[in-house]
Amino acid sequence: MSCDPQHLRIVEALIFASAEPVPERAMAERLPEGTDIAGLLAELETHYAARGFNLVRRGDGWAFRTSADLAESLKVERSQERKLSRAAVETLAIIAYHQPVTRAEIEEVRGVALSKGTMDILFSAGWIRPKGRRRTPGRPLTWATTDGFLDHFGLESLSDLPGVKELEAAGLLDSRAAAGAYGNRAAEDTRLVDMAEEDEPQLELLDDETLLGIGE
């Protein structure tokens, strides 16, 4: 059954006008109660499948992104002003594969103390966010990746992250390191799968007001 054209236009406009992926709940707030959001997205996804940009899922949100097959045609060579340090790359990898993870756990995996500037760079880039506090002595703050991280690296979800063997083959992971320490996901062949929710450490989630006062 065809979707309501006006509802399609509203969803299309919301996604097009946003610089960040738009969650389905944000779309639902602009549409009548009971609207089939999934159906609207499916129709838009099909409509844009063969065009210059596609509708893609990024974590919990949806965004228009340039078609992957046009990447070479649109590539522009330019100088890179700043490159992530090795410490930042390693820290981002540990968070991606080990989230939610505390600063102390990151330092334990890397074997060296972590400077505050490293976390600041990743946080400013919009790639990591505070997840909550562990219900353990000291209530340490934990960190996780964001939808912005998925969007930047072209991933639909964390399950699309490459496996440990793939990272080693690409030279992005030191094979001498304890590979298992880079993730609290169980390795099945070369794929990494999320832990069951009930197996994750107990966290105290943070609200927006609390996040504004973060100093760790």
Protein backbone atom coordinates (compact mmCIF):
# COMPACT_ATOMS: atom_id res chain seq x y z
CA MET A 1 0.00 0.00 0.00
CA SER A 2 1.39 3.40 -0.98
CA CYS A 3 2.31 5.78 1.83
CA ASP A 4 0.73 9.19 2.33
CA PRO A 5 2.63 11.58 -0.01
CA GLN A 6 2.54 14.42 2.53
CA HIS A 7 3.98 12.20 5.25
CA LEU A 8 6.72 11.12 2.85
CA ARG A 9 7.57 14.75 2.13
CA ILE A 10 7.76 15.59 5.84
CA VAL A 11 10.13 12.71 6.61
CA GLU A 12 12.20 13.50 3.52
CA ALA A 13 12.49 17.16 4.52
CA LEU A 14 13.40 16.37 8.13
CA ILE A 15 16.24 14.09 7.07
CA PHE A 16 17.46 16.39 4.30
CA ALA A 17 17.55 19.46 6.57
CA SER A 18 19.45 17.75 9.39
CA ALA A 19 23.25 17.64 9.56
CA GLU A 20 23.03 14.58 11.80
CA PRO A 21 21.15 11.27 11.39
CA VAL A 22 17.50 11.72 12.42
CA PRO A 23 16.04 9.21 14.92
CA GLU A 24 12.66 7.71 14.11
CA ARG A 25 11.23 9.14 17.34
CA ALA A 26 11.98 12.65 16.04
CA MET A 27 10.04 11.86 12.86
CA ALA A 28 7.12 10.48 14.86
CA GLU A 29 6.84 13.79 16.76
CA ARG A 30 6.08 15.59 13.45
CA LEU A 31 3.56 13.05 12.15
CA PRO A 32 0.09 11.89 13.26
CA GLU A 33 0.04 9.21 15.94
CA GLY A 34 0.14 5.71 14.49
CA THR A 35 1.93 6.73 11.28
CA ASP A 36 3.90 3.85 9.76
CA ILE A 37 7.38 5.36 10.06
CA ALA A 38 9.08 2.13 8.95
CA GLY A 39 6.93 2.03 5.81
CA LEU A 40 7.75 5.64 4.97
CA LEU A 41 11.47 5.04 5.39
CA ALA A 42 11.33 1.87 3.31
CA GLU A 43 9.62 3.73 0.46
CA LEU A 44 12.15 6.58 0.60
CA GLU A 45 15.02 4.10 0.79
CA THR A 46 13.77 2.40 -2.38
CA HIS A 47 13.14 5.71 -4.11
CA TYR A 48 16.71 6.92 -3.55
CA ALA A 49 18.46 3.56 -4.03
CA ALA A 50 19.55 4.29 -7.61
CA ARG A 51 20.19 8.02 -7.20
CA GLY A 52 23.29 10.05 -6.46
CA PHE A 53 22.64 9.89 -2.75
CA ASN A 54 20.95 7.19 -0.72
CA LEU A 55 18.90 7.00 2.44
CA VAL A 56 20.93 5.01 4.97
CA ARG A 57 20.60 3.96 8.59
CA ARG A 58 23.26 5.21 10.98
CA GLY A 59 22.77 3.72 14.43
CA ASP A 60 19.36 4.88 15.68
CA GLY A 61 18.97 7.52 12.97
CA TRP A 62 18.57 7.95 9.22
CA ALA A 63 20.52 10.22 6.86
CA PHE A 64 21.08 10.99 3.18
CA ARG A 65 24.61 10.09 2.12
CA THR A 66 26.44 10.08 -1.22
CA SER A 67 26.16 6.74 -3.05
CA ALA A 68 29.18 4.58 -2.29
CA ASP A 69 29.82 3.80 -5.98
CA LEU A 70 30.35 7.51 -6.69
CA ALA A 71 33.13 7.92 -4.13
CA GLU A 72 35.95 7.78 -6.67
CA SER A 73 34.23 10.22 -9.02
CA LEU A 74 33.78 12.78 -6.24
CA LYS A 75 37.15 12.33 -4.55
CA VAL A 76 38.98 15.60 -3.95
CA GLU A 77 42.63 15.65 -2.96
CA ARG A 78 43.36 18.07 -0.15
CA SER A 79 45.92 18.48 2.59
CA GLN A 80 45.00 17.17 6.03
CA GLU A 81 45.54 19.73 8.73
CA ARG A 82 45.57 17.33 11.66
CA LYS A 83 46.04 13.62 12.02
CA LEU A 84 44.85 11.60 14.97
CA SER A 85 47.68 10.55 17.22
CA ARG A 86 48.38 6.87 17.73
CA ALA A 87 47.09 7.23 21.28
CA ALA A 88 43.78 8.66 19.99
CA VAL A 89 43.41 5.91 17.37
CA GLU A 90 44.11 3.18 19.93
CA THR A 91 41.76 4.77 22.45
CA LEU A 92 38.95 5.02 19.89
CA ALA A 93 39.47 1.38 18.90
CA ILE A 94 39.36 0.24 22.53
CA ILE A 95 36.16 2.19 23.18
CA ALA A 96 34.54 0.88 19.97
CA TYR A 97 35.27 -2.76 20.76
CA HIS A 98 35.08 -2.65 24.56
CA GLN A 99 32.20 -0.25 25.28
CA PRO A 100 31.05 0.76 27.75
CA VAL A 101 34.59 1.22 29.09
CA THR A 102 36.16 3.36 31.82
CA ARG A 103 39.31 5.44 31.57
CA ALA A 104 41.10 3.00 33.87
CA GLU A 105 40.17 0.08 31.62
CA ILE A 106 41.45 1.94 28.55
CA GLU A 107 44.75 2.56 30.34
CA GLU A 108 44.92 -1.10 31.36
CA VAL A 109 44.54 -2.25 27.75
CA ARG A 110 47.06 0.26 26.38
CA GLY A 111 49.49 -0.21 29.25
CA VAL A 112 50.11 3.54 29.62
CA ALA A 113 48.40 6.48 31.30
CA LEU A 114 45.82 8.28 29.17
CA SER A 115 46.08 12.04 28.84
CA LYS A 116 42.88 14.05 29.19
CA GLY A 117 43.58 15.68 25.84
CA THR A 118 43.18 12.37 24.01
CA MET A 119 39.62 11.92 25.27
CA ASP A 120 38.86 15.59 24.61
CA ILE A 121 39.81 15.24 20.94
CA LEU A 122 37.54 12.23 20.43
CA PHE A 123 34.71 13.85 22.39
CA SER A 124 35.03 17.13 20.42
CA ALA A 125 34.92 15.16 17.16
CA GLY A 126 31.57 13.73 18.29
CA TRP A 127 32.81 10.14 18.15
CA ILE A 128 32.52 9.22 21.84
CA ARG A 129 30.09 10.08 24.61
CA PRO A 130 29.63 9.40 28.34
CA LYS A 131 27.48 6.28 28.71
CA GLY A 132 26.90 6.22 32.46
CA ARG A 133 28.59 5.36 35.73
CA ARG A 134 29.43 1.88 36.96
CA ARG A 135 27.66 0.84 40.13
CA THR A 136 31.00 0.00 41.69
CA PRO A 137 33.17 1.82 44.27
CA GLY A 138 34.08 5.26 42.97
CA ARG A 139 31.26 5.10 40.38
CA PRO A 140 33.69 5.49 37.44
CA LEU A 141 32.39 7.13 34.28
CA THR A 142 32.11 4.88 31.22
CA TRP A 143 32.46 5.84 27.56
CA ALA A 144 30.85 4.58 24.35
CA THR A 145 30.85 5.52 20.67
CA THR A 146 28.17 7.72 19.08
CA ASP A 147 26.04 7.57 15.96
CA GLY A 148 28.44 10.22 14.65
CA PHE A 149 31.23 7.64 14.89
CA LEU A 150 29.14 5.18 12.84
CA ASP A 151 28.30 7.88 10.31
CA HIS A 152 31.91 9.05 9.88
CA PHE A 153 33.18 5.53 9.25
CA GLY A 154 30.21 4.49 7.10
CA LEU A 155 28.87 1.86 9.50
CA GLU A 156 25.20 0.99 9.92
CA SER A 157 25.74 -0.47 13.39
CA LEU A 158 28.51 -1.71 15.67
CA SER A 159 28.03 -5.21 14.26
CA ASP A 160 29.61 -3.89 11.04
CA LEU A 161 32.94 -3.27 12.75
CA PRO A 162 35.71 -5.42 11.25
CA GLY A 163 36.90 -8.49 13.13
CA VAL A 164 40.21 -8.70 14.96
CA LYS A 165 41.90 -10.69 12.17
CA GLU A 166 40.80 -8.12 9.61
CA LEU A 167 42.28 -5.32 11.72
CA GLU A 168 45.57 -7.17 12.08
CA ALA A 169 45.72 -7.84 8.33
CA ALA A 170 45.15 -4.14 7.63
CA GLY A 171 47.91 -3.19 10.07
CA LEU A 172 45.46 -1.37 12.35
CA LEU A 173 45.94 -3.67 15.31
CA ASP A 174 49.21 -4.82 16.80
CA SER A 175 49.10 -8.61 16.69
CA ARG A 176 51.46 -8.67 19.68
CA ALA A 177 48.78 -7.07 21.84
CA ALA A 178 46.13 -9.07 23.62
CA ALA A 179 43.55 -8.90 20.84
CA GLY A 180 40.77 -9.98 23.15
CA ALA A 181 41.31 -6.88 25.24
CA TYR A 182 40.07 -4.73 22.36
CA GLY A 183 36.54 -6.01 22.82
CA ASN A 184 34.07 -7.31 25.30
CA ARG A 185 32.38 -8.99 22.35
CA ALA A 186 32.97 -12.71 21.89
CA ALA A 187 34.88 -13.62 18.74
CA GLU A 188 33.16 -16.06 16.42
CA ASP A 189 35.54 -16.78 13.57
CA THR A 190 36.54 -13.24 12.51
CA ARG A 191 33.26 -11.56 13.49
CA LEU A 192 32.60 -9.85 16.80
CA VAL A 193 29.17 -10.07 18.35
CA ASP A 194 27.65 -7.93 21.09
CA MET A 195 27.37 -9.28 24.61
CA ALA A 196 23.91 -10.12 25.84
CA GLU A 197 22.40 -7.12 27.57
CA GLU A 198 22.10 -8.97 30.86
CA ASP A 199 25.86 -9.66 30.80
CA GLU A 200 26.86 -6.00 30.55
CA PRO A 201 28.18 -4.20 33.65
CA GLN A 202 25.49 -2.38 35.62
CA LEU A 203 25.46 1.32 34.72
CA GLU A 204 23.79 4.38 36.13
CA LEU A 205 22.71 6.31 33.03
CA LEU A 206 23.35 10.05 32.92
CA ASP A 207 20.81 12.71 32.04
CA ASP A 208 21.61 15.81 29.97
CA GLU A 209 21.97 18.08 33.01
CA THR A 210 24.50 15.75 34.59
CA LEU A 211 26.46 15.53 31.33
CA LEU A 212 26.88 19.29 31.22
CA GLY A 213 28.89 19.11 34.42
CA ILE A 214 31.23 16.31 33.38
CA GLY A 215 34.80 16.96 34.37
CA GLU A 216 36.36 13.52 33.95
